[in-house]
Amino acid sequence: YSAVALEEEAMRQIEALGPPRYLVVPGDAHR
């Protein structure tokens, strides 16, 4: 929900939760 590009170590933590299936862009300004 509301993607933020992270450093690779932080991305590994995100990916360890599970494979990303959905990306929610919650509103106009969150692209």
Full PDB file with SEQRES, HELIX, SHEET, SSBOND, CRYST1, ORIGX, SCALE, CONECT and MASTER records, all heavy atoms in Angstrom:
SEQRES   1 A   31  TYR SER ALA VAL ALA LEU GLU GLU GLU ALA MET ARG GLN          
SEQRES   2 A   31  ILE GLU ALA LEU GLY PRO PRO ARG TYR LEU VAL VAL PRO          
SEQRES   3 A   31  GLY ASP ALA HIS ARG                                          
HELIX    1 AA1 GLU A    8  LEU A   17  1                                  10    
CRYST1    1.000    1.000    1.000  90.00  90.00  90.00 P 1           1          
ORIGX1      1.000000  0.000000  0.000000        0.00000                         
ORIGX2      0.000000  1.000000  0.000000        0.00000                         
ORIGX3      0.000000  0.000000  1.000000        0.00000                         
SCALE1      1.000000  0.000000  0.000000        0.00000                         
SCALE2      0.000000  1.000000  0.000000        0.00000                         
SCALE3      0.000000  0.000000  1.000000        0.00000                         
ATOM      1  N   TYR A   1       0.860  -1.184   0.000  1.00  0.00           N  
ATOM      2  CA  TYR A   1       0.000   0.000   0.000  1.00  0.00           C  
ATOM      3  C   TYR A   1       0.894   1.231   0.000  1.00  0.00           C  
ATOM      4  O   TYR A   1       1.667   1.436   0.931  1.00  0.00           O  
ATOM      5  CB  TYR A   1      -0.890  -0.029   1.248  1.00  0.00           C  
ATOM      6  CG  TYR A   1      -1.883   1.101   1.349  1.00  0.00           C  
ATOM      7  CD1 TYR A   1      -3.191   0.937   0.919  1.00  0.00           C  
ATOM      8  CD2 TYR A   1      -1.516   2.319   1.892  1.00  0.00           C  
ATOM      9  CE1 TYR A   1      -4.108   1.959   1.020  1.00  0.00           C  
ATOM     10  CE2 TYR A   1      -2.432   3.354   1.996  1.00  0.00           C  
ATOM     11  CZ  TYR A   1      -3.727   3.168   1.563  1.00  0.00           C  
ATOM     12  OH  TYR A   1      -4.632   4.191   1.668  1.00  0.00           O  
ATOM     13  N   SER A   2       0.816   2.020  -1.050  1.00  0.00           N  
ATOM     14  CA  SER A   2       1.575   3.273  -1.192  1.00  0.00           C  
ATOM     15  C   SER A   2       3.081   3.016  -1.241  1.00  0.00           C  
ATOM     16  O   SER A   2       3.826   3.326  -0.310  1.00  0.00           O  
ATOM     17  CB  SER A   2       1.216   4.252  -0.072  1.00  0.00           C  
ATOM     18  OG  SER A   2       1.636   5.563  -0.421  1.00  0.00           O  
ATOM     19  N   ALA A   3       3.530   2.477  -2.358  1.00  0.00           N  
ATOM     20  CA  ALA A   3       4.913   2.029  -2.543  1.00  0.00           C  
ATOM     21  C   ALA A   3       5.945   3.132  -2.303  1.00  0.00           C  
ATOM     22  O   ALA A   3       5.770   4.273  -2.713  1.00  0.00           O  
ATOM     23  CB  ALA A   3       5.092   1.495  -3.964  1.00  0.00           C  
ATOM     24  N   VAL A   4       7.030   2.719  -1.652  1.00  0.00           N  
ATOM     25  CA  VAL A   4       8.194   3.580  -1.417  1.00  0.00           C  
ATOM     26  C   VAL A   4       9.428   2.766  -1.804  1.00  0.00           C  
ATOM     27  O   VAL A   4       9.622   1.659  -1.292  1.00  0.00           O  
ATOM     28  CB  VAL A   4       8.293   4.008   0.066  1.00  0.00           C  
ATOM     29  CG1 VAL A   4       9.574   4.772   0.333  1.00  0.00           C  
ATOM     30  CG2 VAL A   4       7.075   4.841   0.475  1.00  0.00           C  
ATOM     31  N   ALA A   5      10.246   3.282  -2.692  1.00  0.00           N  
ATOM     32  CA  ALA A   5      11.501   2.613  -3.055  1.00  0.00           C  
ATOM     33  C   ALA A   5      12.424   2.615  -1.841  1.00  0.00           C  
ATOM     34  O   ALA A   5      12.668   3.662  -1.242  1.00  0.00           O  
ATOM     35  CB  ALA A   5      12.163   3.323  -4.226  1.00  0.00           C  
ATOM     36  N   LEU A   6      12.923   1.429  -1.479  1.00  0.00           N  
ATOM     37  CA  LEU A   6      13.754   1.274  -0.293  1.00  0.00           C  
ATOM     38  C   LEU A   6      15.133   0.757  -0.657  1.00  0.00           C  
ATOM     39  O   LEU A   6      15.334   0.188  -1.733  1.00  0.00           O  
ATOM     40  CB  LEU A   6      13.103   0.275   0.668  1.00  0.00           C  
ATOM     41  CG  LEU A   6      11.660   0.561   1.107  1.00  0.00           C  
ATOM     42  CD1 LEU A   6      11.133  -0.598   1.944  1.00  0.00           C  
ATOM     43  CD2 LEU A   6      11.570   1.873   1.847  1.00  0.00           C  
ATOM     44  N   GLU A   7      16.062   0.905   0.278  1.00  0.00           N  
ATOM     45  CA  GLU A   7      17.377   0.280   0.137  1.00  0.00           C  
ATOM     46  C   GLU A   7      17.171  -1.234   0.020  1.00  0.00           C  
ATOM     47  O   GLU A   7      16.176  -1.777   0.495  1.00  0.00           O  
ATOM     48  CB  GLU A   7      18.247   0.586   1.366  1.00  0.00           C  
ATOM     49  CG  GLU A   7      18.513   2.064   1.603  1.00  0.00           C  
ATOM     50  CD  GLU A   7      19.474   2.669   0.601  1.00  0.00           C  
ATOM     51  OE1 GLU A   7      20.182   1.909  -0.108  1.00  0.00           O  
ATOM     52  OE2 GLU A   7      19.517   3.906   0.518  1.00  0.00           O  
ATOM     53  N   GLU A   8      18.114  -1.942  -0.584  1.00  0.00           N  
ATOM     54  CA  GLU A   8      17.949  -3.368  -0.861  1.00  0.00           C  
ATOM     55  C   GLU A   8      17.727  -4.206   0.399  1.00  0.00           C  
ATOM     56  O   GLU A   8      16.926  -5.141   0.383  1.00  0.00           O  
ATOM     57  CB  GLU A   8      19.118  -3.912  -1.681  1.00  0.00           C  
ATOM     58  CG  GLU A   8      19.015  -3.574  -3.148  1.00  0.00           C  
ATOM     59  CD  GLU A   8      17.692  -4.004  -3.784  1.00  0.00           C  
ATOM     60  OE1 GLU A   8      17.250  -5.160  -3.611  1.00  0.00           O  
ATOM     61  OE2 GLU A   8      17.081  -3.159  -4.474  1.00  0.00           O  
ATOM     62  N   GLU A   9      18.408  -3.907   1.486  1.00  0.00           N  
ATOM     63  CA  GLU A   9      18.196  -4.680   2.719  1.00  0.00           C  
ATOM     64  C   GLU A   9      16.752  -4.539   3.198  1.00  0.00           C  
ATOM     65  O   GLU A   9      16.116  -5.523   3.598  1.00  0.00           O  
ATOM     66  CB  GLU A   9      19.167  -4.241   3.825  1.00  0.00           C  
ATOM     67  CG  GLU A   9      18.920  -4.913   5.163  1.00  0.00           C  
ATOM     68  CD  GLU A   9      18.979  -6.446   5.119  1.00  0.00           C  
ATOM     69  OE1 GLU A   9      19.743  -7.012   4.308  1.00  0.00           O  
ATOM     70  OE2 GLU A   9      18.245  -7.081   5.911  1.00  0.00           O  
ATOM     71  N   ALA A  10      16.201  -3.350   3.135  1.00  0.00           N  
ATOM     72  CA  ALA A  10      14.805  -3.131   3.526  1.00  0.00           C  
ATOM     73  C   ALA A  10      13.864  -3.834   2.554  1.00  0.00           C  
ATOM     74  O   ALA A  10      12.844  -4.403   2.968  1.00  0.00           O  
ATOM     75  CB  ALA A  10      14.503  -1.635   3.594  1.00  0.00           C  
ATOM     76  N   MET A  11      14.192  -3.845   1.262  1.00  0.00           N  
ATOM     77  CA  MET A  11      13.365  -4.552   0.289  1.00  0.00           C  
ATOM     78  C   MET A  11      13.362  -6.055   0.587  1.00  0.00           C  
ATOM     79  O   MET A  11      12.337  -6.719   0.449  1.00  0.00           O  
ATOM     80  CB  MET A  11      13.838  -4.286  -1.142  1.00  0.00           C  
ATOM     81  CG  MET A  11      13.540  -2.886  -1.645  1.00  0.00           C  
ATOM     82  SD  MET A  11      11.789  -2.415  -1.570  1.00  0.00           S  
ATOM     83  CE  MET A  11      11.039  -3.620  -2.658  1.00  0.00           C  
ATOM     84  N   ARG A  12      14.491  -6.596   1.016  1.00  0.00           N  
ATOM     85  CA  ARG A  12      14.540  -8.017   1.369  1.00  0.00           C  
ATOM     86  C   ARG A  12      13.611  -8.311   2.555  1.00  0.00           C  
ATOM     87  O   ARG A  12      12.957  -9.354   2.602  1.00  0.00           O  
ATOM     88  CB  ARG A  12      15.972  -8.454   1.662  1.00  0.00           C  
ATOM     89  CG  ARG A  12      16.798  -8.636   0.391  1.00  0.00           C  
ATOM     90  CD  ARG A  12      18.116  -9.333   0.658  1.00  0.00           C  
ATOM     91  NE  ARG A  12      19.079  -8.478   1.346  1.00  0.00           N  
ATOM     92  CZ  ARG A  12      19.855  -7.575   0.744  1.00  0.00           C  
ATOM     93  NH1 ARG A  12      19.791  -7.411  -0.571  1.00  0.00           N  
ATOM     94  NH2 ARG A  12      20.704  -6.849   1.435  1.00  0.00           N  
ATOM     95  N   GLN A  13      13.529  -7.384   3.496  1.00  0.00           N  
ATOM     96  CA  GLN A  13      12.612  -7.553   4.631  1.00  0.00           C  
ATOM     97  C   GLN A  13      11.157  -7.561   4.146  1.00  0.00           C  
ATOM     98  O   GLN A  13      10.352  -8.379   4.597  1.00  0.00           O  
ATOM     99  CB  GLN A  13      12.797  -6.424   5.642  1.00  0.00           C  
ATOM    100  CG  GLN A  13      14.098  -6.488   6.407  1.00  0.00           C  
ATOM    101  CD  GLN A  13      14.240  -5.291   7.316  1.00  0.00           C  
ATOM    102  OE1 GLN A  13      14.779  -4.265   6.919  1.00  0.00           O  
ATOM    103  NE2 GLN A  13      13.730  -5.410   8.520  1.00  0.00           N  
ATOM    104  N   ILE A  14      10.841  -6.660   3.219  1.00  0.00           N  
ATOM    105  CA  ILE A  14       9.489  -6.589   2.661  1.00  0.00           C  
ATOM    106  C   ILE A  14       9.187  -7.891   1.911  1.00  0.00           C  
ATOM    107  O   ILE A  14       8.119  -8.490   2.075  1.00  0.00           O  
ATOM    108  CB  ILE A  14       9.369  -5.369   1.709  1.00  0.00           C  
ATOM    109  CG1 ILE A  14       9.544  -4.051   2.460  1.00  0.00           C  
ATOM    110  CG2 ILE A  14       8.089  -5.411   0.896  1.00  0.00           C  
ATOM    111  CD1 ILE A  14       8.509  -3.740   3.485  1.00  0.00           C  
ATOM    112  N   GLU A  15      10.109  -8.338   1.094  1.00  0.00           N  
ATOM    113  CA  GLU A  15       9.910  -9.541   0.284  1.00  0.00           C  
ATOM    114  C   GLU A  15       9.839 -10.801   1.149  1.00  0.00           C  
ATOM    115  O   GLU A  15       9.171 -11.768   0.776  1.00  0.00           O  
ATOM    116  CB  GLU A  15      11.016  -9.651  -0.755  1.00  0.00           C  
ATOM    117  CG  GLU A  15      10.907  -8.567  -1.814  1.00  0.00           C  
ATOM    118  CD  GLU A  15      12.160  -8.357  -2.644  1.00  0.00           C  
ATOM    119  OE1 GLU A  15      13.233  -8.907  -2.283  1.00  0.00           O  
ATOM    120  OE2 GLU A  15      12.077  -7.634  -3.650  1.00  0.00           O  
ATOM    121  N   ALA A  16      10.499 -10.796   2.314  1.00  0.00           N  
ATOM    122  CA  ALA A  16      10.461 -11.947   3.207  1.00  0.00           C  
ATOM    123  C   ALA A  16       9.057 -12.164   3.785  1.00  0.00           C  
ATOM    124  O   ALA A  16       8.707 -13.285   4.182  1.00  0.00           O  
ATOM    125  CB  ALA A  16      11.474 -11.778   4.337  1.00  0.00           C  
ATOM    126  N   LEU A  17       8.246 -11.120   3.825  1.00  0.00           N  
ATOM    127  CA  LEU A  17       6.872 -11.251   4.314  1.00  0.00           C  
ATOM    128  C   LEU A  17       6.033 -12.093   3.356  1.00  0.00           C  
ATOM    129  O   LEU A  17       5.095 -12.768   3.757  1.00  0.00           O  
ATOM    130  CB  LEU A  17       6.248  -9.862   4.503  1.00  0.00           C  
ATOM    131  CG  LEU A  17       4.906  -9.794   5.222  1.00  0.00           C  
ATOM    132  CD1 LEU A  17       5.033 -10.316   6.661  1.00  0.00           C  
ATOM    133  CD2 LEU A  17       4.391  -8.362   5.233  1.00  0.00           C  
ATOM    134  N   GLY A  18       6.371 -12.058   2.083  1.00  0.00           N  
ATOM    135  CA  GLY A  18       5.653 -12.827   1.070  1.00  0.00           C  
ATOM    136  C   GLY A  18       5.797 -12.155  -0.274  1.00  0.00           C  
ATOM    137  O   GLY A  18       6.143 -10.976  -0.364  1.00  0.00           O  
ATOM    138  N   PRO A  19       5.542 -12.907  -1.361  1.00  0.00           N  
ATOM    139  CA  PRO A  19       5.684 -12.305  -2.684  1.00  0.00           C  
ATOM    140  C   PRO A  19       4.616 -11.226  -2.924  1.00  0.00           C  
ATOM    141  O   PRO A  19       3.437 -11.449  -2.647  1.00  0.00           O  
ATOM    142  CB  PRO A  19       5.490 -13.492  -3.636  1.00  0.00           C  
ATOM    143  CG  PRO A  19       4.772 -14.524  -2.832  1.00  0.00           C  
ATOM    144  CD  PRO A  19       5.144 -14.310  -1.399  1.00  0.00           C  
ATOM    145  N   PRO A  20       5.025 -10.066  -3.433  1.00  0.00           N  
ATOM    146  CA  PRO A  20       4.067  -8.990  -3.713  1.00  0.00           C  
ATOM    147  C   PRO A  20       3.077  -9.400  -4.809  1.00  0.00           C  
ATOM    148  O   PRO A  20       3.475  -9.801  -5.897  1.00  0.00           O  
ATOM    149  CB  PRO A  20       4.943  -7.832  -4.178  1.00  0.00           C  
ATOM    150  CG  PRO A  20       6.299  -8.130  -3.640  1.00  0.00           C  
ATOM    151  CD  PRO A  20       6.401  -9.629  -3.659  1.00  0.00           C  
ATOM    152  N   ARG A  21       1.789  -9.324  -4.494  1.00  0.00           N  
ATOM    153  CA  ARG A  21       0.743  -9.689  -5.452  1.00  0.00           C  
ATOM    154  C   ARG A  21      -0.057  -8.479  -5.910  1.00  0.00           C  
ATOM    155  O   ARG A  21      -0.488  -8.407  -7.052  1.00  0.00           O  
ATOM    156  CB  ARG A  21      -0.179 -10.711  -4.813  1.00  0.00           C  
ATOM    157  CG  ARG A  21      -1.234 -11.234  -5.740  1.00  0.00           C  
ATOM    158  CD  ARG A  21      -1.916 -12.417  -5.105  1.00  0.00           C  
ATOM    159  NE  ARG A  21      -3.110 -12.786  -5.835  1.00  0.00           N  
ATOM    160  CZ  ARG A  21      -4.114 -13.443  -5.313  1.00  0.00           C  
ATOM    161  NH1 ARG A  21      -4.062 -13.820  -4.050  1.00  0.00           N  
ATOM    162  NH2 ARG A  21      -5.161 -13.738  -6.022  1.00  0.00           N  
ATOM    163  N   TYR A  22      -0.270  -7.530  -4.991  1.00  0.00           N  
ATOM    164  CA  TYR A  22      -1.039  -6.324  -5.297  1.00  0.00           C  
ATOM    165  C   TYR A  22      -0.251  -5.096  -4.891  1.00  0.00           C  
ATOM    166  O   TYR A  22       0.447  -5.104  -3.882  1.00  0.00           O  
ATOM    167  CB  TYR A  22      -2.366  -6.301  -4.530  1.00  0.00           C  
ATOM    168  CG  TYR A  22      -3.306  -7.411  -4.884  1.00  0.00           C  
ATOM    169  CD1 TYR A  22      -3.381  -8.557  -4.084  1.00  0.00           C  
ATOM    170  CD2 TYR A  22      -4.129  -7.330  -6.000  1.00  0.00           C  
ATOM    171  CE1 TYR A  22      -4.252  -9.589  -4.400  1.00  0.00           C  
ATOM    172  CE2 TYR A  22      -5.000  -8.357  -6.324  1.00  0.00           C  
ATOM    173  CZ  TYR A  22      -5.061  -9.484  -5.512  1.00  0.00           C  
ATOM    174  OH  TYR A  22      -5.914 -10.496  -5.829  1.00  0.00           O  
ATOM    175  N   LEU A  23      -0.399  -4.044  -5.677  1.00  0.00           N  
ATOM    176  CA  LEU A  23       0.153  -2.733  -5.343  1.00  0.00           C  
ATOM    177  C   LEU A  23      -1.008  -1.749  -5.320  1.00  0.00           C  
ATOM    178  O   LEU A  23      -1.640  -1.511  -6.349  1.00  0.00           O  
ATOM    179  CB  LEU A  23       1.185  -2.293  -6.375  1.00  0.00           C  
ATOM    180  CG  LEU A  23       1.676  -0.849  -6.256  1.00  0.00           C  
ATOM    181  CD1 LEU A  23       2.346  -0.611  -4.913  1.00  0.00           C  
ATOM    182  CD2 LEU A  23       2.618  -0.517  -7.405  1.00  0.00           C  
ATOM    183  N   VAL A  24      -1.291  -1.213  -4.154  1.00  0.00           N  
ATOM    184  CA  VAL A  24      -2.351  -0.219  -4.018  1.00  0.00           C  
ATOM    185  C   VAL A  24      -1.734   1.162  -4.131  1.00  0.00           C  
ATOM    186  O   VAL A  24      -0.853   1.537  -3.355  1.00  0.00           O  
ATOM    187  CB  VAL A  24      -3.090  -0.357  -2.672  1.00  0.00           C  
ATOM    188  CG1 VAL A  24      -4.110   0.772  -2.505  1.00  0.00           C  
ATOM    189  CG2 VAL A  24      -3.764  -1.716  -2.572  1.00  0.00           C  
ATOM    190  N   VAL A  25      -2.174   1.908  -5.142  1.00  0.00           N  
ATOM    191  CA  VAL A  25      -1.851   3.329  -5.257  1.00  0.00           C  
ATOM    192  C   VAL A  25      -3.086   4.024  -4.667  1.00  0.00           C  
ATOM    193  O   VAL A  25      -4.106   4.131  -5.339  1.00  0.00           O  
ATOM    194  CB  VAL A  25      -1.593   3.742  -6.721  1.00  0.00           C  
ATOM    195  CG1 VAL A  25      -1.217   5.211  -6.804  1.00  0.00           C  
ATOM    196  CG2 VAL A  25      -0.508   2.865  -7.345  1.00  0.00           C  
ATOM    197  N   PRO A  26      -3.011   4.432  -3.393  1.00  0.00           N  
ATOM    198  CA  PRO A  26      -4.216   4.819  -2.675  1.00  0.00           C  
ATOM    199  C   PRO A  26      -4.913   6.083  -3.164  1.00  0.00           C  
ATOM    200  O   PRO A  26      -6.086   6.287  -2.879  1.00  0.00           O  
ATOM    201  CB  PRO A  26      -3.750   4.983  -1.236  1.00  0.00           C  
ATOM    202  CG  PRO A  26      -2.290   5.211  -1.334  1.00  0.00           C  
ATOM    203  CD  PRO A  26      -1.832   4.491  -2.561  1.00  0.00           C  
ATOM    204  N   GLY A  27      -4.207   6.912  -3.899  1.00  0.00           N  
ATOM    205  CA  GLY A  27      -4.814   8.144  -4.395  1.00  0.00           C  
ATOM    206  C   GLY A  27      -3.932   8.796  -5.435  1.00  0.00           C  
ATOM    207  O   GLY A  27      -2.817   8.338  -5.719  1.00  0.00           O  
ATOM    208  N   ASP A  28      -4.434   9.879  -5.989  1.00  0.00           N  
ATOM    209  CA  ASP A  28      -3.768  10.599  -7.089  1.00  0.00           C  
ATOM    210  C   ASP A  28      -2.305  10.941  -6.812  1.00  0.00           C  
ATOM    211  O   ASP A  28      -1.465  10.881  -7.708  1.00  0.00           O  
ATOM    212  CB  ASP A  28      -4.497  11.920  -7.369  1.00  0.00           C  
ATOM    213  CG  ASP A  28      -5.968  11.741  -7.627  1.00  0.00           C  
ATOM    214  OD1 ASP A  28      -6.717  11.609  -6.640  1.00  0.00           O  
ATOM    215  OD2 ASP A  28      -6.362  11.737  -8.800  1.00  0.00           O  
ATOM    216  N   ALA A  29      -1.992  11.329  -5.588  1.00  0.00           N  
ATOM    217  CA  ALA A  29      -0.663  11.855  -5.271  1.00  0.00           C  
ATOM    218  C   ALA A  29       0.342  10.778  -4.861  1.00  0.00           C  
ATOM    219  O   ALA A  29       1.457  11.104  -4.492  1.00  0.00           O  
ATOM    220  CB  ALA A  29      -0.776  12.896  -4.156  1.00  0.00           C  
ATOM    221  N   HIS A  30      -0.024   9.514  -4.940  1.00  0.00           N  
ATOM    222  CA  HIS A  30       0.848   8.452  -4.437  1.00  0.00           C  
ATOM    223  C   HIS A  30       1.430   7.589  -5.546  1.00  0.00           C  
ATOM    224  O   HIS A  30       1.619   6.387  -5.391  1.00  0.00           O  
ATOM    225  CB  HIS A  30       0.073   7.613  -3.415  1.00  0.00           C  
ATOM    226  CG  HIS A  30      -0.320   8.415  -2.235  1.00  0.00           C  
ATOM    227  ND1 HIS A  30       0.466   8.525  -1.122  1.00  0.00           N  
ATOM    228  CD2 HIS A  30      -1.390   9.223  -2.032  1.00  0.00           C  
ATOM    229  CE1 HIS A  30      -0.114   9.339  -0.272  1.00  0.00           C  
ATOM    230  NE2 HIS A  30      -1.244   9.785  -0.798  1.00  0.00           N  
ATOM    231  N   ARG A  31       1.756   8.232  -6.668  1.00  0.00           N  
ATOM    232  CA  ARG A  31       2.226   7.524  -7.860  1.00  0.00           C  
ATOM    233  C   ARG A  31       3.742   7.507  -7.995  1.00  0.00           C  
ATOM    234  O   ARG A  31       4.266   6.863  -8.888  1.00  0.00           O  
ATOM    235  CB  ARG A  31       1.656   8.216  -9.114  1.00  0.00           C  
ATOM    236  CG  ARG A  31       0.162   8.367  -9.096  1.00  0.00           C  
ATOM    237  CD  ARG A  31      -0.324   9.306 -10.177  1.00  0.00           C  
ATOM    238  NE  ARG A  31       0.149  10.658  -9.907  1.00  0.00           N  
ATOM    239  CZ  ARG A  31       0.330  11.591 -10.826  1.00  0.00           C  
ATOM    240  NH1 ARG A  31       0.073  11.335 -12.094  1.00  0.00           N  
ATOM    241  NH2 ARG A  31       0.742  12.786 -10.495  1.00  0.00           N  
TER     242      ARG A  31                                                      
MASTER        0    0    0    1    0    0    0    6  241    1    0    3          
END                                                                             
